Amino acid sequence: MPLPRTRGKALRQQLAELRGPDVAPKALDARALAALAANPGCDRRALLDGAGVDKAKLASALGAPSAFGMSQFAFMRGNAFEARVKADGGAELLRLVHEKLDPGAEPPGAGAVPDLSAIGPEGRAARTALALREATEAGVWTLLDHPMLALDVAGSAAFLEPDAVVVHPDGRWTVVEIKSFPMLDGSADPAKVGAAARQSAVYVLALEEVAARLDPAPEVRHRVLLVCPKDFSNLPAASAVDVRKQRAVTRRQLARLTRVEDIAAALPEGSCFSPALPAEELVTAVEAVPATYAPECLSACELAFHCRARSRAEGAVTSLGRSLRAELGGLTTVPDVLAAARGRAGDPDDPAVAALRRAALLRAEALRGTASETHARAGEARVPVASASRARVPEDLASRVPERGASAPAVPAPGTPVSEADAPGAPVPGASATKAPVPVAGAPEGREAGACR
């Protein structure tokens, strides 16, 4: 059983009690911090990530395991592409940085690639900070391959590892993010580019903390370089991405995350998120923390399936998308939206309610029009086939059809001489005048245009 949580304890001890006894915290990475920035209104994710709870194990214990992660094929393809980009001392990567971000600088030659190996994440972070300072003072193109950066998150250090950091000859620093999704005709999937931009913004914030400890502080560029495969090949293509907006959102979210003790203080006494607890206790503890589910959570959070089921059961509008939720204003549930559309609830002066009622009226009119067309088509289908086919007979042929009750014209016996009036092609009395048959060029004698064999 988890120990009862005591009010007024230090934040680190409170978070340890929330994780459960003898449960090691899960280290935060850039993907997790970027997901926090993508959904800043979710207290549940902020608390669980701040406490270092393993959300994948928690989701399995809740009975809603996630299918979140990268396939082995995509992982191997990404590693192979990254190795190609960084081959030959990063010559191609430095060329792309020079071309896309700093064309006015001297072209990169054989750039420096310092050794960043050290013992433990703290040692690697210290070695990275030293290499950044030395490269800034040297004033040459320098490529730092997989440096280690430290970022303060909820009172503890989160160690982050970007794909690369490039130091320009003028001392500025640039984050490089290498992804395996393709860039087709110079553009890539906007959703994937947005996720890469949020992840890069986390690295920019961590680099700014390193730069703040130097005197003078170097400039960390707010434009990062995104490198992807070109079209369907394995050749690299690059694009500069401005991450100022994502950086500002991530900074605000991290500042909010440092006040995670306020969220923890509102929980019932004895709340714990240890996966070893029974499912009923875990559900009670998880539901005590407010969540803001959106369909985007399915690609960023391990608890997405559990939160989606709860959101649908409550009829929350956010389960249909954030954009729709923003359009509906104070209408937060699907029953409220339907009642407002049908005129049973809602303020008529509310623009959202007025738009819903107008949409419901247009839908009803469209359905009535569709029903009328369906009935008309059904009436046409009941017309006798003989009458319909007769109505489609051309005028000149219809005149040759004998009226009902009249005797059919006699067919001459073989060998009987046929008069000119009865010959094929002769005008029929009472029929409309037709043009003379036009001979077909090159056709055998007696063959006319349109004549049947």
Protein backbone atom coordinates (compact mmCIF):
# COMPACT_ATOMS: atom_id res chain seq x y z
CA MET A 1 0.00 0.00 0.00
CA PRO A 2 1.34 3.51 -0.76
CA LEU A 3 2.30 5.69 2.15
CA PRO A 4 -0.09 8.56 2.96
CA ARG A 5 1.01 11.78 1.36
CA THR A 6 1.81 14.57 3.83
CA ARG A 7 0.91 18.17 3.09
CA GLY A 8 3.70 20.72 2.98
CA LYS A 9 6.43 18.36 1.90
CA ALA A 10 9.08 19.27 -0.62
CA LEU A 11 8.08 18.92 -4.25
CA ARG A 12 10.52 16.12 -4.96
CA GLN A 13 9.19 14.06 -2.06
CA GLN A 14 5.59 14.68 -3.10
CA LEU A 15 6.31 13.49 -6.62
CA ALA A 16 8.10 10.41 -5.30
CA GLU A 17 5.02 9.51 -3.24
CA LEU A 18 2.81 9.92 -6.29
CA ARG A 19 5.00 7.53 -8.30
CA GLY A 20 4.80 4.93 -5.58
CA PRO A 21 7.34 3.33 -3.25
CA ASP A 22 10.49 2.00 -4.88
CA VAL A 23 9.43 3.22 -8.33
CA ALA A 24 12.23 4.96 -10.21
CA PRO A 25 11.24 8.12 -12.10
CA LYS A 26 11.14 7.97 -15.87
CA ALA A 27 13.41 10.58 -17.39
CA LEU A 28 11.78 13.21 -19.55
CA ASP A 29 12.99 13.58 -23.11
CA ALA A 30 12.40 16.21 -25.77
CA ARG A 31 9.44 14.31 -27.24
CA ALA A 32 7.64 14.31 -23.90
CA LEU A 33 8.32 18.00 -23.33
CA ALA A 34 7.17 18.80 -26.87
CA ALA A 35 3.96 16.86 -26.24
CA LEU A 36 3.41 18.97 -23.12
CA ALA A 37 3.69 22.10 -25.23
CA ALA A 38 1.24 20.65 -27.74
CA ASN A 39 -1.46 20.26 -25.06
CA PRO A 40 -0.77 22.89 -22.38
CA GLY A 41 -4.23 22.61 -20.78
CA CYS A 42 -3.86 18.98 -19.65
CA ASP A 43 -3.16 18.88 -15.90
CA ARG A 44 -3.03 15.09 -15.98
CA ARG A 45 -0.08 14.90 -18.35
CA ALA A 46 1.72 17.75 -16.59
CA LEU A 47 1.48 15.99 -13.23
CA LEU A 48 2.39 12.52 -14.49
CA ASP A 49 5.36 13.78 -16.49
CA GLY A 50 6.50 15.99 -13.64
CA ALA A 51 6.35 13.05 -11.25
CA GLY A 52 8.22 10.81 -13.68
CA VAL A 53 5.39 8.26 -13.97
CA ASP A 54 5.80 5.67 -16.71
CA LYS A 55 2.57 6.35 -18.61
CA ALA A 56 2.93 3.26 -20.83
CA LYS A 57 2.87 0.93 -17.80
CA LEU A 58 0.10 2.98 -16.23
CA ALA A 59 -2.03 2.69 -19.39
CA SER A 60 -1.57 -1.10 -19.43
CA ALA A 61 -2.56 -1.30 -15.75
CA LEU A 62 -5.69 0.75 -16.52
CA GLY A 63 -6.70 -1.72 -19.23
CA ALA A 64 -6.10 0.67 -22.13
CA PRO A 65 -2.63 -0.14 -23.48
CA SER A 66 -1.29 2.22 -26.09
CA ALA A 67 0.13 1.47 -29.52
CA PHE A 68 2.42 4.47 -29.22
CA GLY A 69 5.94 4.33 -30.61
CA MET A 70 8.05 3.92 -33.74
CA SER A 71 8.22 0.76 -35.79
CA GLN A 72 11.51 -1.09 -36.02
CA PHE A 73 11.66 -0.52 -39.78
CA ALA A 74 11.24 3.24 -39.38
CA PHE A 75 13.82 3.28 -36.60
CA MET A 76 16.43 1.48 -38.74
CA ARG A 77 15.67 3.67 -41.76
CA GLY A 78 16.07 6.80 -39.66
CA ASN A 79 19.42 5.67 -38.30
CA ALA A 80 20.69 4.83 -41.78
CA PHE A 81 19.62 8.22 -43.13
CA GLU A 82 21.21 10.08 -40.20
CA ALA A 83 24.49 8.22 -40.70
CA ARG A 84 24.48 9.23 -44.38
CA VAL A 85 23.86 12.90 -43.53
CA LYS A 86 26.71 12.97 -41.00
CA ALA A 87 29.20 11.02 -43.10
CA ASP A 88 32.64 12.45 -43.94
CA GLY A 89 32.80 14.57 -40.81
CA GLY A 90 29.39 16.11 -41.45
CA ALA A 91 30.46 17.80 -44.70
CA GLU A 92 27.01 17.52 -46.30
CA LEU A 93 25.29 18.66 -43.11
CA LEU A 94 27.52 21.73 -42.78
CA ARG A 95 26.92 22.54 -46.44
CA LEU A 96 23.16 22.49 -45.87
CA VAL A 97 23.49 24.73 -42.81
CA HIS A 98 25.58 27.19 -44.80
CA GLU A 99 23.16 27.14 -47.74
CA LYS A 100 19.91 27.48 -45.81
CA LEU A 101 20.85 29.52 -42.74
CA ASP A 102 24.14 31.37 -43.21
CA PRO A 103 24.96 31.90 -46.91
CA GLY A 104 26.96 35.05 -46.12
CA ALA A 105 29.56 33.17 -44.08
CA GLU A 106 32.62 31.53 -45.53
CA PRO A 107 31.87 28.09 -47.02
CA PRO A 108 32.57 25.26 -44.62
CA GLY A 109 35.56 23.13 -45.35
CA ALA A 110 36.63 20.32 -43.08
CA GLY A 111 34.61 21.21 -40.00
CA ALA A 112 35.70 20.27 -36.50
CA VAL A 113 33.88 17.38 -34.79
CA PRO A 114 34.88 17.29 -31.09
CA ASP A 115 34.67 14.15 -29.00
CA LEU A 116 31.78 14.38 -26.55
CA SER A 117 32.16 11.03 -24.80
CA ALA A 118 32.01 11.04 -21.01
CA ILE A 119 30.70 8.97 -18.10
CA GLY A 120 27.01 9.36 -17.36
CA PRO A 121 24.58 12.00 -18.57
CA GLU A 122 25.95 14.62 -16.16
CA GLY A 123 29.48 14.07 -17.49
CA ARG A 124 28.31 14.26 -21.11
CA ALA A 125 26.38 17.47 -20.41
CA ALA A 126 29.48 19.04 -18.86
CA ARG A 127 31.65 17.90 -21.78
CA THR A 128 29.12 19.36 -24.25
CA ALA A 129 29.15 22.73 -22.48
CA LEU A 130 32.96 22.79 -22.64
CA ALA A 131 32.96 21.88 -26.36
CA LEU A 132 30.45 24.63 -27.12
CA ARG A 133 32.60 27.22 -25.37
CA GLU A 134 35.75 26.09 -27.16
CA ALA A 135 34.04 26.07 -30.57
CA THR A 136 32.67 29.57 -29.98
CA GLU A 137 36.11 30.91 -29.18
CA ALA A 138 37.73 29.10 -32.14
CA GLY A 139 35.50 30.80 -34.73
CA VAL A 140 35.31 27.85 -37.18
CA TRP A 141 32.53 25.62 -38.40
CA THR A 142 32.01 22.96 -35.71
CA LEU A 143 29.61 20.02 -35.63
CA LEU A 144 28.57 18.55 -32.29
CA ASP A 145 27.19 15.06 -32.95
CA HIS A 146 24.53 14.04 -30.41
CA PRO A 147 25.46 16.49 -27.65
CA MET A 148 23.92 16.19 -24.18
CA LEU A 149 21.96 19.14 -22.81
CA ALA A 150 20.35 19.62 -19.40
CA LEU A 151 17.07 21.46 -18.86
CA ASP A 152 15.48 22.19 -15.50
CA VAL A 153 12.00 20.63 -15.38
CA ALA A 154 9.92 20.75 -12.18
CA GLY A 155 12.99 21.21 -10.03
CA SER A 156 15.01 18.36 -11.57
CA ALA A 157 17.33 18.11 -14.56
CA ALA A 158 16.03 16.55 -17.76
CA PHE A 159 18.81 15.39 -20.07
CA LEU A 160 18.15 15.96 -23.77
CA GLU A 161 20.08 14.72 -26.79
CA PRO A 162 19.52 16.59 -30.07
CA ASP A 163 20.67 15.08 -33.34
CA ALA A 164 23.30 17.78 -33.85
CA VAL A 165 24.28 21.32 -32.93
CA VAL A 166 26.33 23.46 -35.34
CA VAL A 167 28.54 26.35 -34.19
CA HIS A 168 28.94 29.03 -36.87
CA PRO A 169 32.20 30.95 -37.46
CA ASP A 170 30.61 34.04 -35.88
CA GLY A 171 29.87 32.09 -32.69
CA ARG A 172 26.13 31.52 -33.15
CA TRP A 173 24.58 28.13 -32.38
CA THR A 174 22.04 26.24 -34.52
CA VAL A 175 19.98 23.16 -33.68
CA VAL A 176 19.75 20.49 -36.40
CA GLU A 177 16.88 18.01 -36.40
CA ILE A 178 17.09 14.97 -38.71
CA LYS A 179 13.87 13.12 -39.52
CA SER A 180 13.09 10.14 -41.72
CA PHE A 181 9.79 11.37 -43.21
CA PRO A 182 10.18 12.54 -46.82
CA MET A 183 10.23 16.08 -48.16
CA LEU A 184 8.27 15.96 -51.43
CA ASP A 185 8.88 18.82 -53.87
CA GLY A 186 10.37 20.93 -51.11
CA SER A 187 7.53 20.46 -48.59
CA ALA A 188 6.70 17.86 -45.96
CA ASP A 189 3.69 16.79 -43.91
CA PRO A 190 2.66 19.87 -41.86
CA ALA A 191 1.72 17.79 -38.81
CA LYS A 192 5.11 16.08 -38.74
CA VAL A 193 6.93 19.36 -39.33
CA GLY A 194 5.02 20.91 -36.43
CA ALA A 195 6.00 18.05 -34.12
CA ALA A 196 9.65 18.41 -35.19
CA ALA A 197 9.47 22.17 -34.56
CA ARG A 198 8.14 21.66 -31.01
CA GLN A 199 10.86 19.13 -30.32
CA SER A 200 13.54 21.48 -31.67
CA ALA A 201 12.16 24.31 -29.51
CA VAL A 202 12.95 22.22 -26.43
CA TYR A 203 16.56 21.90 -27.58
CA VAL A 204 16.72 25.65 -28.21
CA LEU A 205 15.61 26.33 -24.63
CA ALA A 206 18.22 23.92 -23.28
CA LEU A 207 20.92 25.56 -25.42
CA GLU A 208 19.92 28.97 -24.13
CA GLU A 209 20.52 27.79 -20.57
CA VAL A 210 24.03 26.69 -21.57
CA ALA A 211 24.69 29.97 -23.37
CA ALA A 212 23.51 31.99 -20.35
CA ARG A 213 26.40 30.59 -18.31
CA LEU A 214 29.00 31.96 -20.75
CA ASP A 215 30.33 35.50 -20.83
CA PRO A 216 29.52 36.92 -23.29
CA ALA A 217 26.50 34.74 -23.99
CA PRO A 218 26.43 33.41 -27.59
CA GLU A 219 23.29 33.75 -29.68
CA VAL A 220 21.13 30.67 -30.11
CA ARG A 221 19.40 30.95 -33.48
CA HIS A 222 15.61 30.69 -33.42
CA ARG A 223 15.67 29.13 -36.89
CA VAL A 224 16.56 25.44 -36.84
CA LEU A 225 17.52 23.21 -39.75
CA LEU A 226 15.17 20.34 -40.54
CA VAL A 227 16.82 17.64 -42.68
CA CYS A 228 14.66 14.98 -44.38
CA PRO A 229 15.01 12.55 -47.29
CA LYS A 230 14.43 14.18 -50.66
CA ASP A 231 11.33 12.81 -52.39
CA PHE A 232 11.56 9.00 -52.30
CA SER A 233 15.34 8.77 -52.28
CA ASN A 234 17.90 8.63 -49.48
CA LEU A 235 19.44 11.98 -50.43
CA PRO A 236 19.17 14.75 -47.83
CA ALA A 237 17.05 17.86 -48.31
CA ALA A 238 16.88 20.68 -45.77
CA SER A 239 14.59 23.53 -44.80
CA ALA A 240 14.88 26.31 -42.22
CA VAL A 241 12.07 26.29 -39.64
CA ASP A 242 11.29 29.22 -37.36
CA VAL A 243 10.52 27.91 -33.85
CA ARG A 244 9.92 31.16 -31.97
CA LYS A 245 6.24 30.38 -31.43
CA GLN A 246 6.91 26.82 -30.28
CA ARG A 247 9.70 28.07 -28.02
CA ALA A 248 7.40 30.58 -26.31
CA VAL A 249 4.69 27.94 -25.78
CA THR A 250 7.19 25.44 -24.38
CA ARG A 251 8.65 28.03 -22.02
CA ARG A 252 5.21 28.87 -20.65
CA GLN A 253 4.39 25.19 -20.24
CA LEU A 254 7.63 24.50 -18.40
CA ALA A 255 6.98 27.44 -16.10
CA ARG A 256 3.56 25.96 -15.41
CA LEU A 257 5.10 22.54 -14.88
CA THR A 258 7.35 23.89 -12.14
CA ARG A 259 4.14 24.69 -10.23
CA VAL A 260 3.01 21.09 -10.46
CA GLU A 261 2.89 21.03 -6.66
CA ASP A 262 -0.33 23.08 -6.89
CA ILE A 263 -1.90 20.30 -8.97
CA ALA A 264 -0.60 17.65 -6.57
CA ALA A 265 -1.95 19.53 -3.55
CA ALA A 266 -5.50 19.28 -4.94
CA LEU A 267 -5.42 15.47 -5.06
CA PRO A 268 -7.11 13.32 -2.41
CA GLU A 269 -4.89 12.10 0.41
CA GLY A 270 -3.04 8.90 -0.45
CA SER A 271 -3.31 9.23 -4.24
CA CYS A 272 -0.72 7.11 -6.04
CA PHE A 273 -0.06 6.16 -9.65
CA SER A 274 1.99 3.01 -9.11
CA PRO A 275 1.15 0.37 -11.76
CA ALA A 276 1.24 -2.28 -9.01
CA LEU A 277 -2.00 -0.98 -7.50
CA PRO A 278 -5.40 -2.48 -8.38
CA ALA A 279 -7.08 -1.07 -11.46
CA GLU A 280 -9.96 0.45 -9.45
CA GLU A 281 -7.59 2.51 -7.29
CA LEU A 282 -5.60 3.60 -10.33
CA VAL A 283 -8.75 4.75 -12.14
CA THR A 284 -9.80 6.78 -9.09
CA ALA A 285 -6.38 8.39 -8.81
CA VAL A 286 -6.11 9.18 -12.53
CA GLU A 287 -9.64 10.58 -12.78
CA ALA A 288 -8.92 12.89 -9.84
CA VAL A 289 -6.60 14.88 -12.15
CA PRO A 290 -8.38 16.92 -14.87
CA ALA A 291 -7.48 16.01 -18.43
CA THR A 292 -8.00 17.77 -21.76
CA TYR A 293 -8.26 15.12 -24.44
CA ALA A 294 -7.95 15.92 -28.14
CA PRO A 295 -7.50 13.59 -31.14
CA GLU A 296 -3.89 14.80 -31.43
CA CYS A 297 -3.13 13.01 -28.15
CA LEU A 298 -3.27 9.66 -29.98
CA SER A 299 0.13 10.37 -31.54
CA ALA A 300 1.78 11.92 -28.47
CA CYS A 301 0.52 10.38 -25.21
CA GLU A 302 0.40 6.84 -23.89
CA LEU A 303 -2.83 7.50 -21.95
CA ALA A 304 -4.70 8.66 -25.05
CA PHE A 305 -6.97 5.59 -25.34
CA HIS A 306 -8.03 5.79 -21.70
CA CYS A 307 -8.71 9.53 -21.91
CA ARG A 308 -10.57 9.13 -25.22
CA ALA A 309 -12.93 6.54 -23.73
CA ARG A 310 -13.68 8.79 -20.76
CA SER A 311 -14.12 11.84 -22.98
CA ARG A 312 -16.59 10.03 -25.24
CA ALA A 313 -18.50 8.68 -22.27
CA GLU A 314 -18.89 12.21 -20.93
CA GLY A 315 -19.87 13.56 -24.35
CA ALA A 316 -17.08 16.14 -24.34
CA VAL A 317 -16.78 18.21 -27.50
CA THR A 318 -12.98 18.15 -27.33
CA SER A 319 -13.06 14.51 -28.39
CA LEU A 320 -14.08 15.80 -31.84
CA GLY A 321 -11.14 18.20 -32.17
CA ARG A 322 -9.82 21.44 -30.74
CA SER A 323 -10.92 23.51 -33.73
CA LEU A 324 -14.54 22.42 -33.28
CA ARG A 325 -14.33 23.06 -29.56
CA ALA A 326 -13.13 26.60 -30.21
CA GLU A 327 -16.05 27.27 -32.58
CA LEU A 328 -18.69 26.16 -30.06
CA GLY A 329 -17.83 28.64 -27.30
CA GLY A 330 -19.60 27.79 -24.04
CA LEU A 331 -21.14 24.56 -25.37
CA THR A 332 -18.85 21.89 -23.94
CA THR A 333 -20.83 18.66 -24.41
CA VAL A 334 -22.45 17.00 -27.40
CA PRO A 335 -25.94 16.92 -25.78
CA ASP A 336 -25.71 20.67 -25.19
CA VAL A 337 -24.78 21.22 -28.83
CA LEU A 338 -27.69 19.10 -30.11
CA ALA A 339 -30.15 20.81 -27.77
CA ALA A 340 -29.00 24.23 -28.95
CA ALA A 341 -29.27 23.20 -32.60
CA ARG A 342 -32.85 21.97 -32.09
CA GLY A 343 -33.89 25.12 -30.27
CA ARG A 344 -34.42 23.44 -26.91
CA ALA A 345 -31.62 25.27 -25.08
CA GLY A 346 -29.07 28.02 -25.52
CA ASP A 347 -29.15 31.78 -25.85
CA PRO A 348 -30.40 32.83 -29.31
CA ASP A 349 -28.06 35.84 -29.19
CA ASP A 350 -25.04 33.56 -28.82
CA PRO A 351 -23.26 33.41 -32.22
CA ALA A 352 -22.49 29.72 -31.75
CA VAL A 353 -26.13 28.89 -30.97
CA ALA A 354 -27.38 30.98 -33.91
CA ALA A 355 -24.94 29.25 -36.27
CA LEU A 356 -26.01 25.81 -35.01
CA ARG A 357 -29.70 26.57 -35.54
CA ARG A 358 -29.03 27.94 -39.00
CA ALA A 359 -27.05 24.80 -39.85
CA ALA A 360 -29.86 22.59 -38.54
CA LEU A 361 -32.37 24.48 -40.69
CA LEU A 362 -30.24 24.10 -43.81
CA ARG A 363 -29.78 20.42 -43.10
CA ALA A 364 -33.53 19.89 -42.74
CA GLU A 365 -34.17 21.70 -46.04
CA ALA A 366 -31.52 19.62 -47.78
CA LEU A 367 -33.04 16.40 -46.44
CA ARG A 368 -36.51 17.45 -47.62
CA GLY A 369 -35.13 18.19 -51.09
CA THR A 370 -33.39 14.84 -51.18
CA ALA A 371 -36.59 13.07 -50.16
CA SER A 372 -38.56 14.85 -52.94
CA GLU A 373 -35.99 13.82 -55.54
CA THR A 374 -36.13 10.25 -54.30
CA HIS A 375 -39.91 10.11 -54.64
CA ALA A 376 -39.73 11.62 -58.14
CA ARG A 377 -37.17 9.05 -59.24
CA ALA A 378 -39.32 6.28 -57.78
CA GLY A 379 -42.31 7.58 -59.86
CA GLU A 380 -40.24 7.55 -63.02
CA ALA A 381 -39.21 3.98 -62.33
CA ARG A 382 -42.90 2.93 -62.31
CA VAL A 383 -43.45 4.02 -65.99
CA PRO A 384 -44.10 0.89 -68.25
CA VAL A 385 -41.02 -0.22 -70.07
CA ALA A 386 -42.83 -0.39 -73.43
CA SER A 387 -44.07 3.18 -73.17
CA ALA A 388 -40.65 4.41 -72.09
CA SER A 389 -38.91 2.64 -74.93
CA ARG A 390 -41.49 3.94 -77.44
CA ALA A 391 -40.94 7.47 -76.23
CA ARG A 392 -37.25 7.15 -77.01
CA VAL A 393 -37.83 5.95 -80.67
CA PRO A 394 -36.75 8.58 -83.23
CA GLU A 395 -39.52 10.34 -85.08
CA ASP A 396 -38.69 8.92 -88.51
CA LEU A 397 -38.64 5.36 -87.16
CA ALA A 398 -41.68 5.79 -84.95
CA SER A 399 -43.77 6.61 -88.00
CA ARG A 400 -42.93 3.21 -89.45
CA VAL A 401 -44.16 1.33 -86.40
CA PRO A 402 -47.72 0.08 -87.00
CA GLU A 403 -50.40 1.23 -84.65
CA ARG A 404 -51.78 -1.19 -82.12
CA GLY A 405 -54.39 -3.45 -83.80
CA ALA A 406 -53.17 -2.82 -87.34
CA SER A 407 -51.94 -5.68 -89.42
CA ALA A 408 -48.23 -5.98 -89.95
CA PRO A 409 -46.95 -5.42 -93.48
CA ALA A 410 -46.65 -8.58 -95.49
CA VAL A 411 -43.18 -9.93 -96.04
CA PRO A 412 -42.64 -10.91 -99.69
CA ALA A 413 -41.75 -14.47 -100.37
CA PRO A 414 -38.33 -15.27 -101.76
CA GLY A 415 -38.10 -14.64 -105.44
CA THR A 416 -41.10 -12.30 -105.51
CA PRO A 417 -40.34 -9.08 -107.41
CA VAL A 418 -40.26 -6.01 -105.17
CA SER A 419 -41.62 -2.70 -106.43
CA GLU A 420 -39.59 0.47 -106.18
CA ALA A 421 -41.89 1.81 -103.48
CA ASP A 422 -41.26 -1.25 -101.32
CA ALA A 423 -37.51 -1.29 -101.86
CA PRO A 424 -35.27 -0.69 -98.93
CA GLY A 425 -34.50 2.97 -98.49
CA ALA A 426 -37.67 4.10 -100.25
CA PRO A 427 -39.66 6.79 -98.47
CA VAL A 428 -42.48 5.54 -96.28
CA PRO A 429 -45.84 7.27 -96.72
CA GLY A 430 -46.51 9.60 -93.82
CA ALA A 431 -42.88 9.53 -92.59
CA SER A 432 -40.70 12.58 -92.30
CA ALA A 433 -38.46 13.33 -95.22
CA THR A 434 -34.93 12.05 -94.90
CA LYS A 435 -31.80 12.71 -96.84
CA ALA A 436 -30.56 10.29 -99.44
CA PRO A 437 -28.09 7.71 -98.22
CA VAL A 438 -24.49 8.89 -98.40
CA PRO A 439 -22.10 6.34 -99.91
CA VAL A 440 -19.09 5.49 -97.77
CA ALA A 441 -15.79 6.16 -99.49
CA GLY A 442 -13.98 2.97 -100.23
CA ALA A 443 -16.92 0.81 -99.20
CA PRO A 444 -18.20 -2.02 -101.42
CA GLU A 445 -20.92 -1.22 -103.87
CA GLY A 446 -24.34 -0.93 -102.27
CA ARG A 447 -22.89 -0.04 -98.78
CA GLU A 448 -24.17 3.24 -97.33
CA ALA A 449 -23.20 5.16 -94.22
CA GLY A 450 -24.97 3.76 -91.21
CA ALA A 451 -26.17 0.65 -93.07
CA CYS A 452 -26.14 -2.56 -91.09
CA ARG A 453 -24.26 -5.59 -92.29
